């Protein structure tokens, strides 16, 4: 019999690795992950705090741009049209 047609036998360790995260585990871990995003907790690690501030600033700019105007109003350069290249 050909070995190409046989299914490989997986060990019990490989079976456990295939399902390392279940939906219940992710839902249980979500509140703790969200709590760790609080600025008070981020302050203890300066690099992560700066990443947090940068992400917040970028998000606020992205949300405010439709209300503040497009790139011409804000001093930005509009993206070139593909047919103009």
Protein backbone atom coordinates (compact mmCIF):
# COMPACT_ATOMS: atom_id res chain seq x y z
CA UNK A 1 0.00 0.00 0.00
CA UNK A 2 1.28 3.49 -0.82
CA UNK A 3 2.36 5.76 2.03
CA UNK A 4 1.04 8.81 0.17
CA UNK A 5 -2.55 7.72 0.63
CA UNK A 6 -2.27 7.03 4.35
CA UNK A 7 -3.05 9.74 6.84
CA UNK A 8 -0.18 10.65 9.15
CA UNK A 9 -0.59 9.58 12.76
CA UNK A 10 -0.56 12.55 15.10
CA UNK A 11 0.77 12.23 18.60
CA UNK A 12 -1.27 13.33 21.60
CA UNK A 13 1.02 16.34 22.03
CA UNK A 14 0.33 17.46 18.46
CA UNK A 15 -3.43 17.05 19.00
CA UNK A 16 -3.26 19.30 22.07
CA UNK A 17 -1.28 21.91 20.17
CA UNK A 18 -3.80 22.07 17.34
CA UNK A 19 -6.50 23.30 19.73
CA UNK A 20 -4.48 25.52 22.03
CA UNK A 21 -7.10 28.28 22.23
CA UNK A 22 -10.78 27.66 22.64
CA UNK A 23 -13.49 30.29 22.47
CA UNK A 24 -14.13 29.89 26.20
CA UNK A 25 -10.46 30.54 27.01
CA UNK A 26 -10.37 33.64 24.81
CA UNK A 27 -13.55 35.03 26.39
CA UNK A 28 -12.16 34.37 29.86
CA UNK A 29 -8.88 36.16 29.02
CA UNK A 30 -10.48 39.17 27.32
CA UNK A 31 -11.37 41.20 30.47
CA UNK A 32 -7.82 40.90 31.82
CA UNK A 33 -6.34 41.94 28.48
CA UNK A 34 -8.58 45.00 28.30
CA UNK A 35 -7.71 45.95 31.90
CA UNK A 36 -4.01 45.90 31.01
CA UNK A 37 -4.63 48.63 28.42
CA UNK A 38 -5.42 51.16 31.17
CA UNK A 39 -2.87 54.02 31.10
CA UNK A 40 -2.10 53.49 34.79
CA UNK A 41 -0.81 50.01 33.98
CA UNK A 42 0.93 51.13 30.78
CA UNK A 43 2.85 53.85 32.66
CA UNK A 44 5.09 51.20 34.28
CA UNK A 45 6.59 50.30 30.90
CA UNK A 46 7.67 53.51 29.11
CA UNK A 47 7.95 51.93 25.66
CA UNK A 48 4.47 50.42 25.80
CA UNK A 49 3.12 53.70 27.20
CA UNK A 50 4.50 55.61 24.19
CA UNK A 51 3.01 53.01 21.85
CA UNK A 52 -0.33 53.42 23.64
CA UNK A 53 -0.18 57.24 23.35
CA UNK A 54 0.79 57.01 19.67
CA UNK A 55 -2.05 54.59 18.92
CA UNK A 56 -4.53 56.84 20.75
CA UNK A 57 -3.30 59.93 18.89
CA UNK A 58 -3.44 58.19 15.51
CA UNK A 59 -6.93 56.87 16.19
CA UNK A 60 -8.17 60.32 17.21
CA UNK A 61 -6.68 61.88 14.07
CA UNK A 62 -8.28 59.22 11.87
CA UNK A 63 -11.67 59.78 13.52
CA UNK A 64 -11.40 63.59 13.33
CA UNK A 65 -10.21 63.90 9.71
CA UNK A 66 -13.66 63.64 8.08
CA UNK A 67 -14.86 66.50 10.30
CA UNK A 68 -11.75 68.67 9.93
CA UNK A 69 -11.45 68.39 6.17
CA UNK A 70 -9.47 66.39 3.67
CA UNK A 71 -5.74 66.46 2.94
CA UNK A 72 -5.84 69.86 1.20
CA UNK A 73 -7.40 71.51 4.26
CA UNK A 74 -5.00 69.89 6.72
CA UNK A 75 -1.80 70.55 4.73
CA UNK A 76 -1.37 66.95 3.60
CA UNK A 77 -0.69 65.82 0.08
CA UNK A 78 -3.42 63.83 -1.67
CA UNK A 79 -2.46 60.43 -3.02
CA UNK A 80 -1.73 60.46 -6.78
CA UNK A 81 -4.25 58.83 -9.04
CA UNK A 82 -2.98 55.54 -10.57
CA UNK A 83 -3.64 56.76 -14.15
CA UNK A 84 -1.34 59.76 -13.65
CA UNK A 85 1.82 57.70 -13.14
